Amino acid sequence: MTEGKEGNASASDRPRVYPEVGAALLRARRESGMTQQQLADATGVSRITIQRIEQAHINPSFKTLEALAHGMGRTLTISFDA
């Protein structure tokens, strides 16, 4: 029996989630003194999405990251450190 498109994807088929992004968001949000709900209200990004990013369940888009940064009064900076 072959598995169709709707079958379970193996771990190697799923995109890698970057926990550093969630940790950075959590740190910035706490430094800003905001709850997840306050950040959600300020940005239009749902609290559940913010929670899932912080817990490294999903990778946010750059558009979402930019909205979250601006909602905290910050700018989004991306670095390719050596």
PDB file of N, CA and C in Angstrom:
ATOM      1  N   MET A   1       0.834  -1.170   0.000  1.00  0.00           N
ATOM      2  CA  MET A   1       0.000   0.000   0.000  1.00  0.00           C
ATOM      3  C   MET A   1       0.884   1.239   0.000  1.00  0.00           C
ATOM      4  N   THR A   2       0.600   2.197  -0.867  1.00  0.00           N
ATOM      5  CA  THR A   2       1.388   3.421  -0.914  1.00  0.00           C
ATOM      6  C   THR A   2       0.647   4.529  -0.199  1.00  0.00           C
ATOM      7  N   GLU A   3       1.413   5.464   0.293  1.00  0.00           N
ATOM      8  CA  GLU A   3       0.848   6.571   1.037  1.00  0.00           C
ATOM      9  C   GLU A   3       0.607   7.740   0.100  1.00  0.00           C
ATOM     10  N   GLY A   4      -0.573   8.297   0.130  1.00  0.00           N
ATOM     11  CA  GLY A   4      -0.920   9.428  -0.723  1.00  0.00           C
ATOM     12  C   GLY A   4      -0.398  10.730  -0.160  1.00  0.00           C
ATOM     13  N   LYS A   5      -0.733  11.812  -0.822  1.00  0.00           N
ATOM     14  CA  LYS A   5      -0.293  13.137  -0.402  1.00  0.00           C
ATOM     15  C   LYS A   5      -0.767  13.500   0.997  1.00  0.00           C
ATOM     16  N   GLU A   6      -1.862  12.905   1.431  1.00  0.00           N
ATOM     17  CA  GLU A   6      -2.422  13.258   2.723  1.00  0.00           C
ATOM     18  C   GLU A   6      -1.841  12.430   3.847  1.00  0.00           C
ATOM     19  N   GLY A   7      -0.897  11.555   3.565  1.00  0.00           N
ATOM     20  CA  GLY A   7      -0.289  10.732   4.610  1.00  0.00           C
ATOM     21  C   GLY A   7       0.607  11.571   5.498  1.00  0.00           C
ATOM     22  N   ASN A   8       1.029  10.987   6.607  1.00  0.00           N
ATOM     23  CA  ASN A   8       1.894  11.704   7.537  1.00  0.00           C
ATOM     24  C   ASN A   8       3.271  11.901   6.939  1.00  0.00           C
ATOM     25  N   ALA A   9       3.766  13.118   7.029  1.00  0.00           N
ATOM     26  CA  ALA A   9       5.114  13.414   6.557  1.00  0.00           C
ATOM     27  C   ALA A   9       6.109  12.965   7.619  1.00  0.00           C
ATOM     28  N   SER A  10       7.243  12.472   7.185  1.00  0.00           N
ATOM     29  CA  SER A  10       8.272  12.093   8.142  1.00  0.00           C
ATOM     30  C   SER A  10       8.959  13.357   8.649  1.00  0.00           C
ATOM     31  N   ALA A  11       9.699  13.215   9.739  1.00  0.00           N
ATOM     32  CA  ALA A  11      10.378  14.362  10.328  1.00  0.00           C
ATOM     33  C   ALA A  11      11.333  15.014   9.338  1.00  0.00           C
ATOM     34  N   SER A  12      11.944  14.218   8.473  1.00  0.00           N
ATOM     35  CA  SER A  12      12.895  14.778   7.506  1.00  0.00           C
ATOM     36  C   SER A  12      12.199  15.548   6.387  1.00  0.00           C
ATOM     37  N   ASP A  13      10.891  15.329   6.205  1.00  0.00           N
ATOM     38  CA  ASP A  13      10.141  16.046   5.177  1.00  0.00           C
ATOM     39  C   ASP A  13       9.633  17.401   5.657  1.00  0.00           C
ATOM     40  N   ARG A  14       9.561  17.589   6.960  1.00  0.00           N
ATOM     41  CA  ARG A  14       9.038  18.836   7.516  1.00  0.00           C
ATOM     42  C   ARG A  14      10.125  19.899   7.512  1.00  0.00           C
ATOM     43  N   PRO A  15       9.733  21.172   7.309  1.00  0.00           N
ATOM     44  CA  PRO A  15      10.743  22.230   7.363  1.00  0.00           C
ATOM     45  C   PRO A  15      11.311  22.360   8.774  1.00  0.00           C
ATOM     46  N   ARG A  16      12.572  22.729   8.853  1.00  0.00           N
ATOM     47  CA  ARG A  16      13.230  22.903  10.145  1.00  0.00           C
ATOM     48  C   ARG A  16      12.652  24.138  10.829  1.00  0.00           C
ATOM     49  N   VAL A  17      12.357  24.024  12.108  1.00  0.00           N
ATOM     50  CA  VAL A  17      11.907  25.159  12.903  1.00  0.00           C
ATOM     51  C   VAL A  17      13.126  25.699  13.638  1.00  0.00           C
ATOM     52  N   TYR A  18      13.262  27.016  13.664  1.00  0.00           N
ATOM     53  CA  TYR A  18      14.424  27.666  14.255  1.00  0.00           C
ATOM     54  C   TYR A  18      14.068  28.211  15.639  1.00  0.00           C
ATOM     55  N   PRO A  19      14.432  27.493  16.707  1.00  0.00           N
ATOM     56  CA  PRO A  19      14.047  27.921  18.053  1.00  0.00           C
ATOM     57  C   PRO A  19      14.689  29.248  18.460  1.00  0.00           C
ATOM     58  N   GLU A  20      15.793  29.623  17.818  1.00  0.00           N
ATOM     59  CA  GLU A  20      16.446  30.894  18.141  1.00  0.00           C
ATOM     60  C   GLU A  20      15.520  32.073  17.861  1.00  0.00           C
ATOM     61  N   VAL A  21      14.693  31.946  16.837  1.00  0.00           N
ATOM     62  CA  VAL A  21      13.761  33.019  16.487  1.00  0.00           C
ATOM     63  C   VAL A  21      12.732  33.192  17.601  1.00  0.00           C
ATOM     64  N   GLY A  22      12.171  32.086  18.047  1.00  0.00           N
ATOM     65  CA  GLY A  22      11.193  32.150  19.128  1.00  0.00           C
ATOM     66  C   GLY A  22      11.790  32.674  20.423  1.00  0.00           C
ATOM     67  N   ALA A  23      13.010  32.247  20.729  1.00  0.00           N
ATOM     68  CA  ALA A  23      13.675  32.709  21.946  1.00  0.00           C
ATOM     69  C   ALA A  23      13.946  34.209  21.877  1.00  0.00           C
ATOM     70  N   ALA A  24      14.333  34.692  20.704  1.00  0.00           N
ATOM     71  CA  ALA A  24      14.582  36.126  20.537  1.00  0.00           C
ATOM     72  C   ALA A  24      13.291  36.924  20.671  1.00  0.00           C
ATOM     73  N   LEU A  25      12.208  36.412  20.115  1.00  0.00           N
ATOM     74  CA  LEU A  25      10.916  37.081  20.244  1.00  0.00           C
ATOM     75  C   LEU A  25      10.485  37.132  21.702  1.00  0.00           C
ATOM     76  N   LEU A  26      10.576  36.020  22.391  1.00  0.00           N
ATOM     77  CA  LEU A  26      10.193  35.958  23.798  1.00  0.00           C
ATOM     78  C   LEU A  26      11.007  36.963  24.624  1.00  0.00           C
ATOM     79  N   ARG A  27      12.308  36.995  24.407  1.00  0.00           N
ATOM     80  CA  ARG A  27      13.187  37.914  25.136  1.00  0.00           C
ATOM     81  C   ARG A  27      12.806  39.367  24.855  1.00  0.00           C
ATOM     82  N   ALA A  28      12.592  39.712  23.576  1.00  0.00           N
ATOM     83  CA  ALA A  28      12.240  41.080  23.209  1.00  0.00           C
ATOM     84  C   ALA A  28      10.882  41.473  23.775  1.00  0.00           C
ATOM     85  N   ARG A  29       9.927  40.554  23.722  1.00  0.00           N
ATOM     86  CA  ARG A  29       8.589  40.850  24.249  1.00  0.00           C
ATOM     87  C   ARG A  29       8.649  41.100  25.743  1.00  0.00           C
ATOM     88  N   ARG A  30       9.391  40.289  26.464  1.00  0.00           N
ATOM     89  CA  ARG A  30       9.515  40.475  27.920  1.00  0.00           C
ATOM     90  C   ARG A  30      10.249  41.780  28.239  1.00  0.00           C
ATOM     91  N   GLU A  31      11.305  42.086  27.472  1.00  0.00           N
ATOM     92  CA  GLU A  31      12.028  43.354  27.673  1.00  0.00           C
ATOM     93  C   GLU A  31      11.121  44.550  27.415  1.00  0.00           C
ATOM     94  N   SER A  32      10.155  44.371  26.517  1.00  0.00           N
ATOM     95  CA  SER A  32       9.208  45.440  26.195  1.00  0.00           C
ATOM     96  C   SER A  32       8.089  45.530  27.225  1.00  0.00           C
ATOM     97  N   GLY A  33       8.030  44.559  28.142  1.00  0.00           N
ATOM     98  CA  GLY A  33       7.020  44.552  29.187  1.00  0.00           C
ATOM     99  C   GLY A  33       5.627  44.243  28.675  1.00  0.00           C
ATOM    100  N   MET A  34       5.550  43.468  27.576  1.00  0.00           N
ATOM    101  CA  MET A  34       4.260  43.162  26.960  1.00  0.00           C
ATOM    102  C   MET A  34       3.892  41.703  27.175  1.00  0.00           C
ATOM    103  N   THR A  35       2.590  41.460  27.307  1.00  0.00           N
ATOM    104  CA  THR A  35       2.090  40.091  27.302  1.00  0.00           C
ATOM    105  C   THR A  35       1.899  39.677  25.844  1.00  0.00           C
ATOM    106  N   GLN A  36       1.693  38.392  25.635  1.00  0.00           N
ATOM    107  CA  GLN A  36       1.395  37.922  24.283  1.00  0.00           C
ATOM    108  C   GLN A  36       0.136  38.605  23.749  1.00  0.00           C
ATOM    109  N   GLN A  37      -0.867  38.771  24.603  1.00  0.00           N
ATOM    110  CA  GLN A  37      -2.116  39.392  24.164  1.00  0.00           C
ATOM    111  C   GLN A  37      -1.916  40.861  23.813  1.00  0.00           C
ATOM    112  N   GLN A  38      -1.128  41.568  24.590  1.00  0.00           N
ATOM    113  CA  GLN A  38      -0.854  42.978  24.271  1.00  0.00           C
ATOM    114  C   GLN A  38      -0.131  43.107  22.937  1.00  0.00           C
ATOM    115  N   LEU A  39       0.824  42.218  22.688  1.00  0.00           N
ATOM    116  CA  LEU A  39       1.540  42.244  21.419  1.00  0.00           C
ATOM    117  C   LEU A  39       0.603  41.885  20.276  1.00  0.00           C
ATOM    118  N   ALA A  40      -0.255  40.922  20.503  1.00  0.00           N
ATOM    119  CA  ALA A  40      -1.236  40.549  19.487  1.00  0.00           C
ATOM    120  C   ALA A  40      -2.146  41.732  19.152  1.00  0.00           C
ATOM    121  N   ASP A  41      -2.626  42.418  20.169  1.00  0.00           N
ATOM    122  CA  ASP A  41      -3.509  43.567  19.958  1.00  0.00           C
ATOM    123  C   ASP A  41      -2.794  44.686  19.205  1.00  0.00           C
ATOM    124  N   ALA A  42      -1.502  44.864  19.479  1.00  0.00           N
ATOM    125  CA  ALA A  42      -0.733  45.933  18.847  1.00  0.00           C
ATOM    126  C   ALA A  42      -0.369  45.629  17.399  1.00  0.00           C
ATOM    127  N   THR A  43      -0.379  44.349  17.025  1.00  0.00           N
ATOM    128  CA  THR A  43       0.137  43.964  15.707  1.00  0.00           C
ATOM    129  C   THR A  43      -0.888  43.332  14.773  1.00  0.00           C
ATOM    130  N   GLY A  44      -1.957  42.786  15.328  1.00  0.00           N
ATOM    131  CA  GLY A  44      -2.896  42.036  14.500  1.00  0.00           C
ATOM    132  C   GLY A  44      -2.472  40.596  14.273  1.00  0.00           C
ATOM    133  N   VAL A  45      -1.348  40.199  14.864  1.00  0.00           N
ATOM    134  CA  VAL A  45      -0.896  38.802  14.815  1.00  0.00           C
ATOM    135  C   VAL A  45      -1.558  38.099  16.001  1.00  0.00           C
ATOM    136  N   SER A  46      -2.181  36.968  15.776  1.00  0.00           N
ATOM    137  CA  SER A  46      -2.926  36.322  16.859  1.00  0.00           C
ATOM    138  C   SER A  46      -2.010  35.890  18.001  1.00  0.00           C
ATOM    139  N   ARG A  47      -2.585  35.871  19.207  1.00  0.00           N
ATOM    140  CA  ARG A  47      -1.833  35.433  20.381  1.00  0.00           C
ATOM    141  C   ARG A  47      -1.362  33.994  20.213  1.00  0.00           C
ATOM    142  N   ILE A  48      -2.181  33.170  19.609  1.00  0.00           N
ATOM    143  CA  ILE A  48      -1.810  31.769  19.385  1.00  0.00           C
ATOM    144  C   ILE A  48      -0.595  31.677  18.465  1.00  0.00           C
ATOM    145  N   THR A  49      -0.555  32.499  17.431  1.00  0.00           N
ATOM    146  CA  THR A  49       0.603  32.508  16.526  1.00  0.00           C
ATOM    147  C   THR A  49       1.852  32.943  17.271  1.00  0.00           C
ATOM    148  N   ILE A  50       1.740  33.983  18.079  1.00  0.00           N
ATOM    149  CA  ILE A  50       2.888  34.447  18.870  1.00  0.00           C
ATOM    150  C   ILE A  50       3.361  33.328  19.795  1.00  0.00           C
ATOM    151  N   GLN A  51       2.425  32.674  20.452  1.00  0.00           N
ATOM    152  CA  GLN A  51       2.771  31.555  21.343  1.00  0.00           C
ATOM    153  C   GLN A  51       3.485  30.445  20.572  1.00  0.00           C
ATOM    154  N   ARG A  52       2.983  30.114  19.398  1.00  0.00           N
ATOM    155  CA  ARG A  52       3.577  29.024  18.617  1.00  0.00           C
ATOM    156  C   ARG A  52       4.984  29.397  18.126  1.00  0.00           C
ATOM    157  N   ILE A  53       5.206  30.669  17.820  1.00  0.00           N
ATOM    158  CA  ILE A  53       6.548  31.113  17.421  1.00  0.00           C
ATOM    159  C   ILE A  53       7.488  30.995  18.617  1.00  0.00           C
ATOM    160  N   GLU A  54       7.063  31.528  19.760  1.00  0.00           N
ATOM    161  CA  GLU A  54       7.912  31.515  20.957  1.00  0.00           C
ATOM    162  C   GLU A  54       8.244  30.095  21.401  1.00  0.00           C
ATOM    163  N   GLN A  55       7.339  29.160  21.201  1.00  0.00           N
ATOM    164  CA  GLN A  55       7.565  27.780  21.611  1.00  0.00           C
ATOM    165  C   GLN A  55       8.214  26.938  20.514  1.00  0.00           C
ATOM    166  N   ALA A  56       8.642  27.587  19.433  1.00  0.00           N
ATOM    167  CA  ALA A  56       9.347  26.929  18.321  1.00  0.00           C
ATOM    168  C   ALA A  56       8.509  25.845  17.653  1.00  0.00           C
ATOM    169  N   HIS A  57       7.213  26.119  17.513  1.00  0.00           N
ATOM    170  CA  HIS A  57       6.349  25.199  16.782  1.00  0.00           C
ATOM    171  C   HIS A  57       6.233  25.593  15.312  1.00  0.00           C
ATOM    172  N   ILE A  58       6.441  26.890  15.018  1.00  0.00           N
ATOM    173  CA  ILE A  58       6.345  27.374  13.638  1.00  0.00           C
ATOM    174  C   ILE A  58       7.431  28.409  13.380  1.00  0.00           C
ATOM    175  N   ASN A  59       7.768  28.571  12.109  1.00  0.00           N
ATOM    176  CA  ASN A  59       8.654  29.642  11.671  1.00  0.00           C
ATOM    177  C   ASN A  59       7.786  30.785  11.150  1.00  0.00           C
ATOM    178  N   PRO A  60       7.978  31.996  11.669  1.00  0.00           N
ATOM    179  CA  PRO A  60       7.196  33.123  11.170  1.00  0.00           C
ATOM    180  C   PRO A  60       7.760  33.640   9.851  1.00  0.00           C
ATOM    181  N   SER A  61       6.916  34.302   9.081  1.00  0.00           N
ATOM    182  CA  SER A  61       7.383  34.970   7.872  1.00  0.00           C
ATOM    183  C   SER A  61       8.122  36.250   8.280  1.00  0.00           C
ATOM    184  N   PHE A  62       8.878  36.817   7.354  1.00  0.00           N
ATOM    185  CA  PHE A  62       9.548  38.088   7.634  1.00  0.00           C
ATOM    186  C   PHE A  62       8.519  39.185   7.864  1.00  0.00           C
ATOM    187  N   LYS A  63       7.419  39.126   7.151  1.00  0.00           N
ATOM    188  CA  LYS A  63       6.346  40.110   7.326  1.00  0.00           C
ATOM    189  C   LYS A  63       5.808  40.057   8.754  1.00  0.00           C
ATOM    190  N   THR A  64       5.605  38.861   9.279  1.00  0.00           N
ATOM    191  CA  THR A  64       5.129  38.706  10.651  1.00  0.00           C
ATOM    192  C   THR A  64       6.175  39.200  11.637  1.00  0.00           C
ATOM    193  N   LEU A  65       7.427  38.845  11.425  1.00  0.00           N
ATOM    194  CA  LEU A  65       8.493  39.304  12.323  1.00  0.00           C
ATOM    195  C   LEU A  65       8.588  40.827  12.342  1.00  0.00           C
ATOM    196  N   GLU A  66       8.453  41.435  11.177  1.00  0.00           N
ATOM    197  CA  GLU A  66       8.511  42.899  11.098  1.00  0.00           C
ATOM    198  C   GLU A  66       7.348  43.530  11.866  1.00  0.00           C
ATOM    199  N   ALA A  67       6.144  42.966  11.707  1.00  0.00           N
ATOM    200  CA  ALA A  67       4.981  43.471  12.437  1.00  0.00           C
ATOM    201  C   ALA A  67       5.190  43.337  13.949  1.00  0.00           C
ATOM    202  N   LEU A  68       5.719  42.204  14.386  1.00  0.00           N
ATOM    203  CA  LEU A  68       5.959  41.988  15.807  1.00  0.00           C
ATOM    204  C   LEU A  68       7.000  42.963  16.340  1.00  0.00           C
ATOM    205  N   ALA A  69       8.074  43.164  15.595  1.00  0.00           N
ATOM    206  CA  ALA A  69       9.114  44.110  16.011  1.00  0.00           C
ATOM    207  C   ALA A  69       8.529  45.513  16.141  1.00  0.00           C
ATOM    208  N   HIS A  70       7.787  45.947  15.140  1.00  0.00           N
ATOM    209  CA  HIS A  70       7.204  47.289  15.179  1.00  0.00           C
ATOM    210  C   HIS A  70       6.198  47.424  16.318  1.00  0.00           C
ATOM    211  N   GLY A  71       5.472  46.359  16.609  1.00  0.00           N
ATOM    212  CA  GLY A  71       4.518  46.372  17.714  1.00  0.00           C
ATOM    213  C   GLY A  71       5.180  46.560  19.069  1.00  0.00           C
ATOM    214  N   MET A  72       6.463  46.215  19.150  1.00  0.00           N
ATOM    215  CA  MET A  72       7.229  46.398  20.385  1.00  0.00           C
ATOM    216  C   MET A  72       8.066  47.673  20.337  1.00  0.00           C
ATOM    217  N   GLY A  73       7.897  48.457  19.258  1.00  0.00           N
ATOM    218  CA  GLY A  73       8.688  49.683  19.114  1.00  0.00           C
ATOM    219  C   GLY A  73      10.128  49.418  18.732  1.00  0.00           C
ATOM    220  N   ARG A  74      10.360  48.305  18.067  1.00  0.00           N
ATOM    221  CA  ARG A  74      11.719  47.912  17.669  1.00  0.00           C
ATOM    222  C   ARG A  74      11.792  47.804  16.150  1.00  0.00           C
ATOM    223  N   THR A  75      13.003  47.692  15.665  1.00  0.00           N
ATOM    224  CA  THR A  75      13.200  47.418  14.247  1.00  0.00           C
ATOM    225  C   THR A  75      13.681  45.978  14.105  1.00  0.00           C
ATOM    226  N   LEU A  76      13.341  45.363  12.994  1.00  0.00           N
ATOM    227  CA  LEU A  76      13.781  44.010  12.725  1.00  0.00           C
ATOM    228  C   LEU A  76      15.175  44.077  12.104  1.00  0.00           C
ATOM    229  N   THR A  77      16.115  43.386  12.719  1.00  0.00           N
ATOM    230  CA  THR A  77      17.483  43.344  12.212  1.00  0.00           C
ATOM    231  C   THR A  77      17.838  41.892  11.939  1.00  0.00           C
ATOM    232  N   ILE A  78      18.372  41.643  10.746  1.00  0.00           N
ATOM    233  CA  ILE A  78      18.800  40.310  10.385  1.00  0.00           C
ATOM    234  C   ILE A  78      20.301  40.340  10.194  1.00  0.00           C
ATOM    235  N   SER A  79      20.979  39.378  10.762  1.00  0.00           N
ATOM    236  CA  SER A  79      22.439  39.369  10.708  1.00  0.00           C
ATOM    237  C   SER A  79      22.935  38.002  10.217  1.00  0.00           C
ATOM    238  N   PHE A  80      23.958  38.037   9.411  1.00  0.00           N
ATOM    239  CA  PHE A  80      24.640  36.821   8.973  1.00  0.00           C
ATOM    240  C   PHE A  80      26.030  36.835   9.625  1.00  0.00           C
ATOM    241  N   ASP A  81      26.036  36.669  10.939  1.00  0.00           N
ATOM    242  CA  ASP A  81      27.284  36.716  11.699  1.00  0.00           C
ATOM    243  C   ASP A  81      28.202  35.570  11.288  1.00  0.00           C
ATOM    244  N   ALA A  82      29.467  35.853  11.365  1.00  0.00           N
ATOM    245  CA  ALA A  82      30.477  34.834  11.060  1.00  0.00           C
ATOM    246  C   ALA A  82      30.808  34.037  12.279  1.00  0.00           C
TER     247      ALA A  82
END
